Amino acid sequence: MDLSYETLSNIAKSFGLFYLIALSIGITVYAFWPSLGNRFDKAAQSVLNDEEGPCR
């Protein structure tokens, strides 16, 4: 196997593509995991319940 620049570049591009696809799937599964729904809802509502206003 000839390890030229083109070969290594194609391997790196393919690895990066599959890495990003796997990372995207992992993040999506984490975001929609049923037991984490309460944590995300609480975080979303905490911004709206801030009664002090912006920091001065």
C-alpha atoms as a PDB file:
ATOM      1  CA  MET A   1       0.000   0.000   0.000  1.00  0.00           C
ATOM      2  CA  ASP A   2       1.426   3.310  -1.085  1.00  0.00           C
ATOM      3  CA  LEU A   3       1.002   5.924   1.668  1.00  0.00           C
ATOM      4  CA  SER A   4       0.916   8.986  -0.487  1.00  0.00           C
ATOM      5  CA  TYR A   5      -0.572  12.319   0.478  1.00  0.00           C
ATOM      6  CA  GLU A   6      -3.796  11.551  -1.368  1.00  0.00           C
ATOM      7  CA  THR A   7      -4.250   8.227   0.422  1.00  0.00           C
ATOM      8  CA  LEU A   8      -3.686   9.703   3.862  1.00  0.00           C
ATOM      9  CA  SER A   9      -5.908  12.668   3.030  1.00  0.00           C
ATOM     10  CA  ASN A  10      -8.763  10.402   1.962  1.00  0.00           C
ATOM     11  CA  ILE A  11      -8.409   8.282   5.110  1.00  0.00           C
ATOM     12  CA  ALA A  12      -8.442  11.391   7.304  1.00  0.00           C
ATOM     13  CA  LYS A  13     -11.494  12.815   5.509  1.00  0.00           C
ATOM     14  CA  SER A  14     -13.379   9.536   5.825  1.00  0.00           C
ATOM     15  CA  PHE A  15     -12.494   9.169   9.496  1.00  0.00           C
ATOM     16  CA  GLY A  16     -13.561  12.758  10.173  1.00  0.00           C
ATOM     17  CA  LEU A  17     -16.867  12.239   8.387  1.00  0.00           C
ATOM     18  CA  PHE A  18     -17.732   9.098  10.354  1.00  0.00           C
ATOM     19  CA  TYR A  19     -16.544  10.729  13.586  1.00  0.00           C
ATOM     20  CA  LEU A  20     -18.851  13.721  13.096  1.00  0.00           C
ATOM     21  CA  ILE A  21     -21.787  11.492  12.143  1.00  0.00           C
ATOM     22  CA  ALA A  22     -21.289   9.375  15.273  1.00  0.00           C
ATOM     23  CA  LEU A  23     -20.935  12.489  17.422  1.00  0.00           C
ATOM     24  CA  SER A  24     -24.150  13.955  15.980  1.00  0.00           C
ATOM     25  CA  ILE A  25     -26.052  10.745  16.630  1.00  0.00           C
ATOM     26  CA  GLY A  26     -24.708  10.605  20.187  1.00  0.00           C
ATOM     27  CA  ILE A  27     -25.715  14.194  20.921  1.00  0.00           C
ATOM     28  CA  THR A  28     -29.184  13.632  19.459  1.00  0.00           C
ATOM     29  CA  VAL A  29     -29.713  10.495  21.550  1.00  0.00           C
ATOM     30  CA  TYR A  30     -28.538  12.358  24.660  1.00  0.00           C
ATOM     31  CA  ALA A  31     -30.860  15.308  23.994  1.00  0.00           C
ATOM     32  CA  PHE A  32     -33.934  13.095  23.520  1.00  0.00           C
ATOM     33  CA  TRP A  33     -33.187  10.602  26.324  1.00  0.00           C
ATOM     34  CA  PRO A  34     -36.449  10.313  28.301  1.00  0.00           C
ATOM     35  CA  SER A  35     -34.971  10.508  31.808  1.00  0.00           C
ATOM     36  CA  LEU A  36     -33.191  13.812  31.021  1.00  0.00           C
ATOM     37  CA  GLY A  37     -36.377  15.615  29.982  1.00  0.00           C
ATOM     38  CA  ASN A  38     -37.008  17.058  33.448  1.00  0.00           C
ATOM     39  CA  ARG A  39     -33.481  18.473  33.637  1.00  0.00           C
ATOM     40  CA  PHE A  40     -33.845  20.215  30.271  1.00  0.00           C
ATOM     41  CA  ASP A  41     -37.303  21.566  31.133  1.00  0.00           C
ATOM     42  CA  LYS A  42     -36.005  22.930  34.443  1.00  0.00           C
ATOM     43  CA  ALA A  43     -33.079  24.624  32.696  1.00  0.00           C
ATOM     44  CA  ALA A  44     -35.381  26.162  30.087  1.00  0.00           C
ATOM     45  CA  GLN A  45     -37.745  27.532  32.730  1.00  0.00           C
ATOM     46  CA  SER A  46     -34.964  28.863  34.976  1.00  0.00           C
ATOM     47  CA  VAL A  47     -34.149  31.534  32.408  1.00  0.00           C
ATOM     48  CA  LEU A  48     -37.747  32.723  32.400  1.00  0.00           C
ATOM     49  CA  ASN A  49     -38.042  32.684  36.200  1.00  0.00           C
ATOM     50  CA  ASP A  50     -35.117  35.066  36.751  1.00  0.00           C
ATOM     51  CA  GLU A  51     -36.719  37.873  38.799  1.00  0.00           C
ATOM     52  CA  GLU A  52     -33.558  39.858  39.513  1.00  0.00           C
ATOM     53  CA  GLY A  53     -33.105  40.982  35.933  1.00  0.00           C
ATOM     54  CA  PRO A  54     -29.816  41.470  34.167  1.00  0.00           C
ATOM     55  CA  CYS A  55     -26.583  41.877  36.112  1.00  0.00           C
ATOM     56  CA  ARG A  56     -25.453  45.455  36.583  1.00  0.00           C
END
